[in-house]
């Protein structure tokens, strides 16, 4: 199986984004997945798509969660 790609959509002024990033980093690392943090403030297309609806976790191009992330659900998804 190919390596999973996790993207976390964030905004510069988002406190929840920082919290979720710190929360999921160990889960993503344990799964051996690639982890990319994308600041929607730096990309007009992403800003239009996500706006203030961040943080958003995207796995292999598909939205997994918005605002809150359950570590157990994330780990299970990355193990599948």
Protein backbone atom coordinates (compact mmCIF):
# COMPACT_ATOMS: atom_id res chain seq x y z
CA UNK A 1 0.00 0.00 0.00
CA UNK A 2 1.23 3.51 -0.77
CA UNK A 3 2.00 6.00 1.94
CA UNK A 4 -1.07 7.95 3.12
CA UNK A 5 -1.01 11.74 2.69
CA UNK A 6 -2.55 13.87 5.42
CA UNK A 7 -3.16 17.56 4.87
CA UNK A 8 -4.23 19.91 7.63
CA UNK A 9 -5.91 23.07 6.39
CA UNK A 10 -5.24 25.97 8.76
CA UNK A 11 -5.40 29.76 8.97
CA UNK A 12 -2.77 32.06 10.44
CA UNK A 13 -4.99 33.39 13.25
CA UNK A 14 -6.67 30.10 14.16
CA UNK A 15 -6.00 28.90 17.72
CA UNK A 16 -7.90 25.65 17.14
CA UNK A 17 -5.67 24.95 14.14
CA UNK A 18 -2.56 25.01 16.33
CA UNK A 19 -4.22 22.75 18.91
CA UNK A 20 -5.35 20.20 16.31
CA UNK A 21 -1.91 20.23 14.66
CA UNK A 22 -0.24 19.40 17.97
CA UNK A 23 -2.94 16.81 18.75
CA UNK A 24 -2.74 14.82 15.52
CA UNK A 25 1.00 15.03 14.81
CA UNK A 26 1.86 11.97 16.98
CA UNK A 27 -1.01 9.96 15.43
CA UNK A 28 0.13 10.77 11.88
CA UNK A 29 3.78 10.05 12.72
CA UNK A 30 2.88 6.70 14.34
CA UNK A 31 1.05 5.73 11.14
CA UNK A 32 4.07 6.65 9.00
CA UNK A 33 1.95 9.00 6.90
CA UNK A 34 3.13 12.09 5.07
CA UNK A 35 1.92 15.23 6.88
CA UNK A 36 1.48 18.59 5.17
CA UNK A 37 0.11 21.73 6.82
CA UNK A 38 -1.51 24.08 4.31
CA UNK A 39 -2.28 27.67 5.27
CA UNK A 40 -5.44 28.65 3.39
CA UNK A 41 -4.52 32.34 3.84
CA UNK A 42 -1.66 31.77 1.38
CA UNK A 43 -3.73 30.14 -1.38
CA UNK A 44 -6.77 31.89 -2.85
CA UNK A 45 -8.39 28.65 -4.06
CA UNK A 46 -8.02 27.01 -0.65
CA UNK A 47 -9.31 30.17 1.04
CA UNK A 48 -12.41 30.08 -1.14
CA UNK A 49 -12.97 26.38 -0.46
CA UNK A 50 -12.34 26.35 3.29
CA UNK A 51 -12.81 29.97 4.41
CA UNK A 52 -13.25 30.01 8.19
CA UNK A 53 -14.12 26.29 8.24
CA UNK A 54 -10.73 25.25 9.63
CA UNK A 55 -9.00 23.22 10.85
CA UNK A 56 -9.85 20.58 8.27
CA UNK A 57 -8.07 17.22 8.02
CA UNK A 58 -7.83 15.82 4.49
CA UNK A 59 -6.65 12.25 3.91
CA UNK A 60 -5.54 11.29 0.40
CA UNK A 61 -7.56 14.17 -1.06
CA UNK A 62 -10.79 13.40 0.83
CA UNK A 63 -12.05 15.50 3.74
CA UNK A 64 -11.90 13.46 6.94
CA UNK A 65 -12.90 15.94 9.64
CA UNK A 66 -13.58 19.57 10.30
CA UNK A 67 -12.96 21.56 13.51
CA UNK A 68 -12.52 18.53 15.82
CA UNK A 69 -10.56 15.31 15.35
CA UNK A 70 -10.94 12.06 17.26
CA UNK A 71 -7.46 10.52 17.57
CA UNK A 72 -8.80 6.95 17.68
CA UNK A 73 -10.88 7.46 14.53
CA UNK A 74 -7.92 9.05 12.77
CA UNK A 75 -5.61 6.20 13.76
CA UNK A 76 -8.16 3.63 12.58
CA UNK A 77 -8.55 5.39 9.24
CA UNK A 78 -4.79 5.56 8.74
CA UNK A 79 -4.47 1.86 9.60
CA UNK A 80 -7.06 0.84 7.00
